[in-house]
Amino acid sequence: MTEKPPRMDAQVFIEHVIASGLMDREELNRALQNIWPTDRGKSVARHLVEAGKLTKFQAEHLLAGKTDGFLLGQYKILEDLGRGGMGHVYKAVHQTMGRFVALKILKPKLMATERARELFQKEIHAAGRLRHQNIVTAYDAYITADRSYLVMEFVDGPNLSQLVKEQGPLPIEQACEYIRQAAIGLDHAHVMGLVHRDVKPSNLLVEQTSSGPQVKILDFGLTLVTAGDTALGQAVAGGANTVLGTPDYVSPEQARNQYGVDGRSDLYSLGCTFYFLLTGEPPFAGGSPAEKIEKHWNAAPVAVQTKRPEVPEAVAAIVHKLLAKNPKWRYQKAGELATELSTVVGKKADWSAPARPKLKPRPEGRVSLAPSGDDPFDDVEVEDLSESTLPTAAMSTRETPAPPPRPRPRYGHKKPIWPWVIIAILSAFAVVSGFGLLVRFLISRFAS
């Protein structure tokens, strides 16, 4: 059983806040003017979080006795968004401009050599030229003696891997629209001479905008930087080579030669992603990385309609064309894929924004600010938040479909004629009767 951290005195916590640089003494004194007298550091932390002066992430670390690592240049770190093969990602704010950003702090081993640092600068310089609504913008990059990090646009939304794991396979029109937008972003990058090399659901973020959900491609220009990392482990038999990419989504040609690929390799990976969005799993789920790569080389995936029969034939054909082993058999440009998807599902298909993923309940002992009579920082157990992943999400904006228009009558359609027949019969009867009466009247008149 994990031992609880020792209780922290209020004054000690206050000194930790000042030492961290998050607040100066004058600002802190103003923030604590209305606090109920207490000698407990957790009560002070709760007050500052509720007042918006600290985030829960900052408070947890301060209560654990950590006073450094909250400031990085002009950026104040607010939250831990998770970590991946390249390093940690934090939400931060520029202290002067007030702009929220995502900070990706790379693992030190990635920048251990002069060659790696040169490659990082080259790739980031190229990625910095990308300005497109479907690509996460890289604002800046820093390489210091002990730390290298990238400053990126902060996208307030989930990635597609989180979305599918939470909600299951996506509605077909929605999946098509997400892939269409991703293809548009890839087409822009390919024209600029950049190949992503690691297209996968977790690198496709979805953000809510005024015009609807928007897909943004993450980590352009960073894949080659991981050449010294083992993203796939020693996946190839014999362990002599390191393969860039992710086993579930890597193209056959990239698994053989990671540097001699073009945009069609990204399209294969996008096809694997499309398959995942429609079925809930990649084309070759299960097995070791080496076994997955072998299947990308030689095996045909189970037909997408076998796993999901309601997928239209036209959509299934697009998926399997993307998954062709030979790049010549795929779409040759991402723009061609985007155009065909527009034709299949329409440019304004009836699809929905992602619903907010449900956050998993916090383990007992984690910070909770839910209203209660108890101190929410009681029994707080500060964990290493580098292990956590905190998905954010766009609000759902599901539109109510308009009622279908009433069908117009077809030309040449005849109304029922039986009422007119009855009217004609009655009219004829009335005319005949009237004529008979007139004849009888005339006969009787002349007879008299």
Protein backbone atom coordinates (compact mmCIF):
# COMPACT_ATOMS: atom_id res chain seq x y z
CA MET A 1 0.00 0.00 0.00
CA THR A 2 1.35 3.41 -0.96
CA GLU A 3 2.09 5.61 2.00
CA LYS A 4 0.41 8.97 2.07
CA PRO A 5 2.70 11.99 1.86
CA PRO A 6 3.23 13.77 5.17
CA ARG A 7 0.83 16.56 5.99
CA MET A 8 2.14 19.91 4.75
CA ASP A 9 1.88 23.02 6.86
CA ALA A 10 0.10 26.01 5.29
CA GLN A 11 3.11 28.29 5.62
CA VAL A 12 5.38 25.69 4.03
CA PHE A 13 2.97 25.38 1.11
CA ILE A 14 2.89 29.17 0.70
CA GLU A 15 6.69 29.25 0.54
CA HIS A 16 6.60 26.49 -2.08
CA VAL A 17 4.21 28.54 -4.24
CA ILE A 18 6.53 31.55 -4.06
CA ALA A 19 9.63 29.45 -4.75
CA SER A 20 7.96 27.93 -7.82
CA GLY A 21 7.58 31.35 -9.47
CA LEU A 22 3.89 30.75 -10.13
CA MET A 23 2.90 33.65 -7.86
CA ASP A 24 4.83 36.34 -6.04
CA ARG A 25 4.25 37.08 -2.36
CA GLU A 26 2.11 40.17 -2.97
CA GLU A 27 -0.18 38.37 -5.39
CA LEU A 28 -0.43 35.41 -3.05
CA ASN A 29 -1.32 37.59 -0.08
CA ARG A 30 -4.14 39.19 -2.06
CA ALA A 31 -5.44 35.77 -3.11
CA LEU A 32 -5.48 34.57 0.52
CA GLN A 33 -7.25 37.57 2.04
CA ASN A 34 -10.62 35.81 2.25
CA ILE A 35 -9.45 32.32 3.21
CA TRP A 36 -10.74 30.84 6.44
CA PRO A 37 -7.88 30.65 8.98
CA THR A 38 -6.09 27.32 8.59
CA ASP A 39 -2.73 25.74 9.21
CA ARG A 40 -3.19 23.07 6.55
CA GLY A 41 -1.40 23.33 3.23
CA LYS A 42 -4.10 21.30 1.48
CA SER A 43 -6.76 23.83 2.48
CA VAL A 44 -4.64 26.66 1.06
CA ALA A 45 -4.13 24.65 -2.14
CA ARG A 46 -7.86 24.05 -2.48
CA HIS A 47 -8.59 27.76 -2.03
CA LEU A 48 -6.06 28.78 -4.67
CA VAL A 49 -7.36 26.21 -7.17
CA GLU A 50 -10.96 27.31 -6.66
CA ALA A 51 -9.87 30.94 -7.06
CA GLY A 52 -8.22 30.08 -10.40
CA LYS A 53 -4.74 30.99 -9.19
CA LEU A 54 -3.36 27.46 -9.47
CA THR A 55 -4.33 24.43 -11.55
CA LYS A 56 -4.88 21.04 -9.94
CA PHE A 57 -1.74 19.82 -11.67
CA GLN A 58 0.32 22.62 -10.09
CA ALA A 59 -1.26 22.16 -6.67
CA GLU A 60 -0.59 18.42 -6.62
CA HIS A 61 3.06 18.90 -7.43
CA LEU A 62 3.48 21.71 -4.90
CA LEU A 63 1.89 19.55 -2.20
CA ALA A 64 4.43 16.86 -3.10
CA GLY A 65 7.22 19.33 -2.40
CA LYS A 66 8.14 20.08 -6.03
CA THR A 67 8.91 23.73 -6.69
CA ASP A 68 10.61 23.69 -10.09
CA GLY A 69 9.60 22.76 -13.63
CA PHE A 70 6.53 25.01 -13.80
CA LEU A 71 8.16 27.68 -15.95
CA LEU A 72 9.86 27.13 -19.29
CA GLY A 73 11.08 30.34 -20.82
CA GLN A 74 8.04 32.56 -21.30
CA TYR A 75 5.67 29.63 -20.79
CA LYS A 76 3.85 28.65 -17.61
CA ILE A 77 2.94 24.94 -17.53
CA LEU A 78 -0.71 24.34 -16.61
CA GLU A 79 -1.52 20.68 -17.21
CA ASP A 80 0.06 17.40 -18.15
CA LEU A 81 -1.63 16.24 -21.36
CA GLY A 82 0.20 12.92 -21.54
CA ARG A 83 3.28 11.38 -23.04
CA GLY A 84 4.33 9.32 -26.02
CA GLY A 85 7.38 7.86 -27.67
CA MET A 86 8.98 11.27 -28.16
CA GLY A 87 8.38 12.78 -24.74
CA HIS A 88 5.91 14.66 -22.57
CA VAL A 89 3.22 17.06 -23.73
CA TYR A 90 1.97 19.86 -21.50
CA LYS A 91 -0.64 22.55 -21.83
CA ALA A 92 0.97 25.93 -21.17
CA VAL A 93 0.29 29.63 -21.53
CA HIS A 94 2.58 32.36 -22.82
CA GLN A 95 2.86 34.73 -19.86
CA THR A 96 3.00 37.87 -22.00
CA MET A 97 0.68 37.04 -24.89
CA GLY A 98 -1.78 34.91 -22.91
CA ARG A 99 -1.86 32.34 -25.74
CA PHE A 100 -2.43 28.71 -24.82
CA VAL A 101 0.00 26.30 -26.44
CA ALA A 102 1.07 22.67 -26.28
CA LEU A 103 4.68 22.11 -25.22
CA LYS A 104 6.27 18.87 -26.40
CA ILE A 105 9.40 18.26 -24.35
CA LEU A 106 11.51 15.69 -26.15
CA LYS A 107 13.26 12.85 -24.41
CA PRO A 108 16.91 13.74 -23.74
CA LYS A 109 18.15 10.64 -25.55
CA LEU A 110 16.58 11.88 -28.79
CA MET A 111 18.88 14.90 -28.74
CA ALA A 112 21.94 13.07 -27.43
CA THR A 113 24.01 13.47 -30.61
CA GLU A 114 24.96 16.39 -32.79
CA ARG A 115 23.42 14.57 -35.77
CA ALA A 116 20.08 14.30 -33.94
CA ARG A 117 20.09 18.01 -33.08
CA GLU A 118 20.87 18.95 -36.68
CA LEU A 119 18.07 16.70 -37.94
CA PHE A 120 15.66 18.19 -35.41
CA GLN A 121 16.44 21.73 -36.56
CA LYS A 122 16.10 20.75 -40.21
CA GLU A 123 12.79 18.94 -39.79
CA ILE A 124 11.27 21.61 -37.56
CA HIS A 125 12.36 24.33 -39.96
CA ALA A 126 10.50 22.51 -42.73
CA ALA A 127 7.44 21.84 -40.58
CA GLY A 128 7.36 25.49 -39.54
CA ARG A 129 6.51 26.42 -43.14
CA LEU A 130 3.23 24.52 -42.94
CA ARG A 131 0.26 26.81 -42.44
CA HIS A 132 -2.97 24.94 -42.97
CA GLN A 133 -6.24 24.58 -41.11
CA ASN A 134 -5.89 20.79 -41.05
CA ILE A 135 -2.33 20.74 -39.64
CA VAL A 136 -1.29 21.59 -36.08
CA THR A 137 0.87 24.72 -36.34
CA ALA A 138 4.41 24.61 -34.96
CA TYR A 139 5.12 28.02 -33.43
CA ASP A 140 8.67 27.63 -32.16
CA ALA A 141 11.38 25.17 -31.16
CA TYR A 142 14.19 25.34 -28.62
CA ILE A 143 17.33 23.28 -28.12
CA THR A 144 19.22 23.87 -24.90
CA ALA A 145 22.00 21.98 -23.17
CA ASP A 146 19.62 19.95 -21.05
CA ARG A 147 16.24 20.25 -22.73
CA SER A 148 14.70 20.44 -26.21
CA TYR A 149 11.09 21.29 -26.78
CA LEU A 150 8.61 22.27 -29.44
CA VAL A 151 5.91 24.92 -29.04
CA MET A 152 2.74 23.97 -30.91
CA GLU A 153 -0.82 25.10 -31.40
CA PHE A 154 -3.02 23.85 -28.57
CA VAL A 155 -5.95 21.82 -29.91
CA ASP A 156 -8.81 21.54 -27.46
CA GLY A 157 -10.17 18.23 -28.60
CA PRO A 158 -9.64 14.46 -28.51
CA ASN A 159 -7.60 12.43 -30.93
CA LEU A 160 -9.37 9.83 -33.05
CA SER A 161 -7.90 6.93 -31.10
CA GLN A 162 -9.48 8.24 -27.88
CA LEU A 163 -12.74 8.88 -29.70
CA VAL A 164 -13.07 5.34 -31.07
CA LYS A 165 -11.96 3.69 -27.83
CA GLU A 166 -14.60 5.67 -25.96
CA GLN A 167 -17.50 5.51 -28.44
CA GLY A 168 -16.73 2.54 -30.68
CA PRO A 169 -16.61 2.63 -34.51
CA LEU A 170 -17.69 6.00 -35.85
CA PRO A 171 -20.75 6.71 -38.00
CA ILE A 172 -19.75 6.07 -41.61
CA GLU A 173 -20.33 9.63 -42.84
CA GLN A 174 -18.38 11.02 -39.88
CA ALA A 175 -15.41 8.71 -40.50
CA CYS A 176 -15.41 9.67 -44.18
CA GLU A 177 -15.41 13.37 -43.33
CA TYR A 178 -12.52 13.02 -40.87
CA ILE A 179 -10.44 11.13 -43.43
CA ARG A 180 -11.34 13.68 -46.12
CA GLN A 181 -10.06 16.54 -43.96
CA ALA A 182 -6.90 14.63 -43.08
CA ALA A 183 -6.30 14.01 -46.79
CA ILE A 184 -6.59 17.73 -47.49
CA GLY A 185 -3.97 18.48 -44.84
CA LEU A 186 -1.65 15.75 -46.14
CA ASP A 187 -2.01 17.04 -49.68
CA HIS A 188 -0.80 20.47 -48.57
CA ALA A 189 2.21 18.98 -46.78
CA HIS A 190 3.11 16.68 -49.66
CA VAL A 191 3.07 19.62 -52.08
CA MET A 192 5.50 21.33 -49.70
CA GLY A 193 7.76 18.28 -49.87
CA LEU A 194 7.06 16.84 -46.41
CA VAL A 195 6.07 13.23 -45.66
CA HIS A 196 4.63 12.57 -42.22
CA ARG A 197 5.71 8.91 -41.83
CA ASP A 198 3.53 8.28 -38.77
CA VAL A 199 -0.10 8.92 -39.72
CA LYS A 200 -2.33 7.17 -37.20
CA PRO A 201 -5.52 7.87 -35.19
CA SER A 202 -3.65 9.31 -32.19
CA ASN A 203 -1.96 11.86 -34.49
CA LEU A 204 -5.30 13.15 -35.80
CA LEU A 205 -6.95 15.60 -33.41
CA VAL A 206 -10.51 16.90 -33.66
CA GLU A 207 -11.30 20.45 -32.57
CA GLN A 208 -14.68 22.15 -32.48
CA THR A 209 -14.82 25.34 -34.56
CA SER A 210 -17.56 27.74 -35.56
CA SER A 211 -17.96 25.84 -38.84
CA GLY A 212 -18.00 22.40 -37.22
CA PRO A 213 -15.42 19.83 -36.09
CA GLN A 214 -12.03 20.17 -37.73
CA VAL A 215 -9.32 17.53 -38.04
CA LYS A 216 -5.73 18.60 -37.40
CA ILE A 217 -2.67 16.46 -38.12
CA LEU A 218 -0.12 16.34 -35.30
CA ASP A 219 3.67 15.84 -35.27
CA PHE A 220 4.66 16.83 -38.79
CA GLY A 221 8.44 16.89 -39.05
CA LEU A 222 9.08 14.94 -35.86
CA THR A 223 9.05 11.34 -37.04
CA LEU A 224 12.58 11.35 -38.44
CA VAL A 225 13.82 12.79 -35.15
CA THR A 226 12.89 9.49 -33.50
CA ALA A 227 15.31 7.55 -35.70
CA GLY A 228 17.36 6.86 -32.59
CA ASP A 229 14.30 5.84 -30.63
CA THR A 230 12.66 2.42 -30.80
CA ALA A 231 9.11 3.35 -31.72
CA LEU A 232 8.65 -0.13 -33.09
CA GLY A 233 11.32 -1.70 -30.98
CA GLN A 234 13.66 -3.95 -32.89
CA ALA A 235 10.67 -5.03 -34.94
CA VAL A 236 12.41 -6.50 -37.92
CA ALA A 237 13.65 -10.04 -37.54
CA GLY A 238 17.26 -10.07 -36.43
CA GLY A 239 16.86 -6.77 -34.58
CA ALA A 240 19.43 -4.99 -36.69
CA ASN A 241 17.16 -2.23 -37.97
CA THR A 242 14.88 0.30 -36.32
CA VAL A 243 11.70 1.06 -38.24
CA LEU A 244 10.05 4.44 -38.10
CA GLY A 245 6.31 4.55 -37.61
CA THR A 246 3.78 2.49 -35.70
CA PRO A 247 3.36 -1.25 -36.43
CA ASP A 248 -0.41 -1.10 -36.87
CA TYR A 249 -0.23 1.70 -39.43
CA VAL A 250 3.17 1.59 -41.15
CA SER A 251 3.24 1.12 -44.92
CA PRO A 252 5.01 -1.91 -46.44
CA GLU A 253 7.59 0.22 -48.26
CA GLN A 254 8.37 2.31 -45.16
CA ALA A 255 8.97 -0.84 -43.13
CA ARG A 256 11.64 -1.76 -45.69
CA ASN A 257 13.16 1.67 -46.32
CA GLN A 258 11.99 4.44 -44.02
CA TYR A 259 13.78 7.22 -45.91
CA GLY A 260 12.88 6.33 -49.50
CA VAL A 261 9.11 6.93 -49.24
CA ASP A 262 6.74 9.55 -50.63
CA GLY A 263 3.24 10.75 -49.87
CA ARG A 264 1.68 7.45 -50.93
CA SER A 265 3.15 5.90 -47.79
CA ASP A 266 1.13 8.37 -45.72
CA LEU A 267 -1.96 7.38 -47.72
CA TYR A 268 -1.47 3.72 -46.79
CA SER A 269 -1.29 4.72 -43.13
CA LEU A 270 -4.39 6.87 -43.60
CA GLY A 271 -6.12 3.82 -45.08
CA CYS A 272 -5.26 1.83 -41.94
CA THR A 273 -6.66 4.71 -39.91
CA PHE A 274 -9.85 4.74 -42.02
CA TYR A 275 -10.21 0.99 -41.40
CA PHE A 276 -9.82 1.63 -37.65
CA LEU A 277 -12.48 4.35 -37.60
CA LEU A 278 -14.99 2.09 -39.36
CA THR A 279 -14.31 -1.19 -37.54
CA GLY A 280 -12.74 -0.23 -34.22
CA GLU A 281 -9.46 -2.01 -34.90
CA PRO A 282 -6.53 -1.71 -37.33
CA PRO A 283 -6.29 -4.03 -40.35
CA PHE A 284 -3.84 -6.42 -38.64
CA ALA A 285 -4.69 -6.38 -34.97
CA GLY A 286 -2.89 -8.72 -32.60
CA GLY A 287 0.55 -10.27 -32.76
CA SER A 288 4.01 -8.88 -32.27
CA PRO A 289 5.35 -5.82 -34.13
CA ALA A 290 7.37 -8.11 -36.42
CA GLU A 291 4.26 -10.19 -37.20
CA LYS A 292 2.25 -7.07 -38.00
CA ILE A 293 4.92 -5.79 -40.36
CA GLU A 294 5.03 -9.17 -42.07
CA LYS A 295 1.27 -8.94 -42.62
CA HIS A 296 1.58 -5.43 -44.06
CA TRP A 297 4.02 -6.93 -46.55
CA ASN A 298 2.19 -10.11 -47.51
CA ALA A 299 -1.31 -10.50 -46.04
CA ALA A 300 -4.64 -9.11 -47.19
CA PRO A 301 -6.77 -7.52 -44.46
CA VAL A 302 -10.24 -8.84 -43.71
CA ALA A 303 -12.69 -6.98 -45.93
CA VAL A 304 -14.09 -3.97 -44.11
CA GLN A 305 -17.64 -5.00 -45.07
CA THR A 306 -17.09 -8.38 -43.41
CA LYS A 307 -16.54 -6.62 -40.11
CA ARG A 308 -19.16 -3.93 -40.77
CA PRO A 309 -21.68 -4.94 -43.45
CA GLU A 310 -23.43 -1.55 -43.58
CA VAL A 311 -20.36 0.14 -45.04
CA PRO A 312 -21.30 1.15 -48.61
CA GLU A 313 -19.45 -0.54 -51.44
CA ALA A 314 -18.03 2.79 -52.63
CA VAL A 315 -16.53 3.52 -49.19
CA ALA A 316 -15.13 0.00 -48.81
CA ALA A 317 -13.49 0.31 -52.24
CA ILE A 318 -11.74 3.51 -51.13
CA VAL A 319 -10.43 1.84 -47.96
CA HIS A 320 -9.00 -1.15 -49.79
CA LYS A 321 -7.50 0.97 -52.55
CA LEU A 322 -5.60 2.87 -49.85
CA LEU A 323 -4.39 -0.46 -48.43
CA ALA A 324 -2.87 -1.70 -51.69
CA LYS A 325 0.57 -3.20 -51.12
CA ASN A 326 2.02 -1.56 -54.21
CA PRO A 327 2.04 2.26 -54.01
CA LYS A 328 1.18 2.39 -57.75
CA TRP A 329 -2.21 0.86 -56.99
CA ARG A 330 -3.17 3.44 -54.39
CA TYR A 331 -4.27 7.01 -54.90
CA GLN A 332 -1.27 8.87 -56.20
CA LYS A 333 -2.10 12.12 -54.44
CA ALA A 334 -3.97 12.87 -51.22
CA GLY A 335 -6.05 15.45 -53.08
CA GLU A 336 -7.47 12.69 -55.28
CA LEU A 337 -8.65 10.85 -52.16
CA ALA A 338 -10.27 14.00 -50.74
CA THR A 339 -12.10 14.62 -54.02
CA GLU A 340 -13.43 11.07 -54.22
CA LEU A 341 -14.62 11.13 -50.60
CA SER A 342 -16.46 14.38 -51.33
CA THR A 343 -18.19 12.65 -54.23
CA VAL A 344 -19.14 9.60 -52.16
CA VAL A 345 -20.53 11.27 -49.05
CA GLY A 346 -21.12 14.84 -50.16
CA LYS A 347 -19.25 17.91 -49.04
CA LYS A 348 -21.81 18.55 -46.31
CA ALA A 349 -22.68 15.07 -45.17
CA ASP A 350 -24.91 14.64 -42.13
CA TRP A 351 -22.22 13.87 -39.58
CA SER A 352 -21.74 14.85 -35.97
CA ALA A 353 -19.14 16.50 -33.82
CA PRO A 354 -17.39 14.17 -31.39
CA ALA A 355 -19.15 13.78 -28.10
CA ARG A 356 -17.04 14.55 -25.07
CA PRO A 357 -15.22 11.39 -23.97
CA LYS A 358 -16.08 10.35 -20.44
CA LEU A 359 -13.16 10.83 -18.13
CA LYS A 360 -12.34 7.75 -16.12
CA PRO A 361 -13.05 8.12 -12.40
CA ARG A 362 -10.03 9.26 -10.47
CA PRO A 363 -8.44 6.63 -8.25
CA GLU A 364 -9.16 7.01 -4.58
CA GLY A 365 -6.88 9.61 -3.08
CA ARG A 366 -6.54 11.78 -6.20
CA VAL A 367 -7.52 15.45 -6.07
CA SER A 368 -11.19 16.16 -6.58
CA LEU A 369 -12.85 19.55 -6.42
CA ALA A 370 -16.38 18.22 -6.25
CA PRO A 371 -18.46 20.18 -3.72
CA SER A 372 -18.53 18.48 -0.36
CA GLY A 373 -18.24 19.32 3.26
CA ASP A 374 -14.76 17.87 3.46
CA ASP A 375 -11.49 19.38 2.38
CA PRO A 376 -11.04 18.10 -1.23
CA PHE A 377 -7.29 17.94 -0.66
CA ASP A 378 -7.65 15.56 2.27
CA ASP A 379 -5.78 12.31 1.69
CA VAL A 380 -4.36 13.63 -1.57
CA GLU A 381 -1.89 11.26 -3.10
CA VAL A 382 0.34 12.96 -5.62
CA GLU A 383 1.34 10.68 -8.46
CA ASP A 384 3.86 11.10 -11.23
CA LEU A 385 1.52 12.68 -13.72
CA SER A 386 3.88 11.87 -16.55
CA GLU A 387 2.08 8.53 -16.72
CA SER A 388 -1.32 10.10 -17.17
CA THR A 389 -3.23 10.97 -20.28
CA LEU A 390 -5.85 13.65 -19.87
CA PRO A 391 -8.02 13.77 -22.96
CA THR A 392 -9.78 17.03 -23.66
CA ALA A 393 -12.76 17.15 -25.95
CA ALA A 394 -14.81 19.43 -28.13
CA MET A 395 -18.39 19.93 -27.08
CA SER A 396 -20.94 17.94 -29.00
CA THR A 397 -22.80 19.99 -31.58
CA ARG A 398 -25.01 17.34 -33.06
CA GLU A 399 -27.43 19.06 -35.38
CA THR A 400 -31.06 18.01 -35.55
CA PRO A 401 -31.71 16.78 -39.09
CA ALA A 402 -34.26 18.83 -41.00
CA PRO A 403 -37.52 16.97 -41.71
CA PRO A 404 -37.54 15.43 -45.18
CA PRO A 405 -39.50 17.42 -47.78
CA ARG A 406 -42.90 16.12 -48.71
CA PRO A 407 -42.83 14.35 -52.06
CA ARG A 408 -44.42 16.28 -54.85
CA PRO A 409 -47.22 14.59 -56.88
CA ARG A 410 -45.90 13.05 -60.04
CA TYR A 411 -46.95 14.57 -63.31
CA GLY A 412 -49.89 12.74 -64.92
CA HIS A 413 -51.32 11.50 -61.63
CA LYS A 414 -55.16 11.48 -61.85
CA LYS A 415 -57.49 12.29 -58.98
CA PRO A 416 -60.34 9.82 -58.21
CA ILE A 417 -63.25 10.23 -60.71
CA TRP A 418 -66.05 8.39 -58.89
CA PRO A 419 -67.37 11.55 -57.16
CA TRP A 420 -67.78 13.17 -60.55
CA VAL A 421 -69.61 10.10 -61.88
CA ILE A 422 -72.14 10.28 -59.06
CA ILE A 423 -72.60 14.02 -59.58
CA ALA A 424 -73.12 13.46 -63.33
CA ILE A 425 -75.71 10.72 -62.67
CA LEU A 426 -77.62 12.85 -60.19
CA SER A 427 -77.52 15.80 -62.57
CA ALA A 428 -78.80 13.68 -65.44
CA PHE A 429 -81.59 12.29 -63.23
CA ALA A 430 -82.57 15.81 -62.24
CA VAL A 431 -82.63 16.98 -65.87
CA VAL A 432 -84.71 13.98 -66.99
CA SER A 433 -87.15 14.39 -64.11
CA GLY A 434 -87.50 18.08 -64.80
CA PHE A 435 -88.06 17.46 -68.50
CA GLY A 436 -90.74 14.84 -67.71
CA LEU A 437 -92.59 17.21 -65.43
CA LEU A 438 -92.47 19.91 -68.09
CA VAL A 439 -93.92 17.52 -70.71
CA ARG A 440 -96.75 16.44 -68.40
CA PHE A 441 -97.54 20.07 -67.66
CA LEU A 442 -97.70 20.98 -71.33
CA ILE A 443 -99.88 17.94 -72.18
CA SER A 444 -102.32 18.72 -69.42
CA ARG A 445 -102.43 22.36 -70.49
CA PHE A 446 -103.24 21.62 -74.11
CA ALA A 447 -105.76 18.89 -73.14
CA SER A 448 -107.77 21.38 -71.13
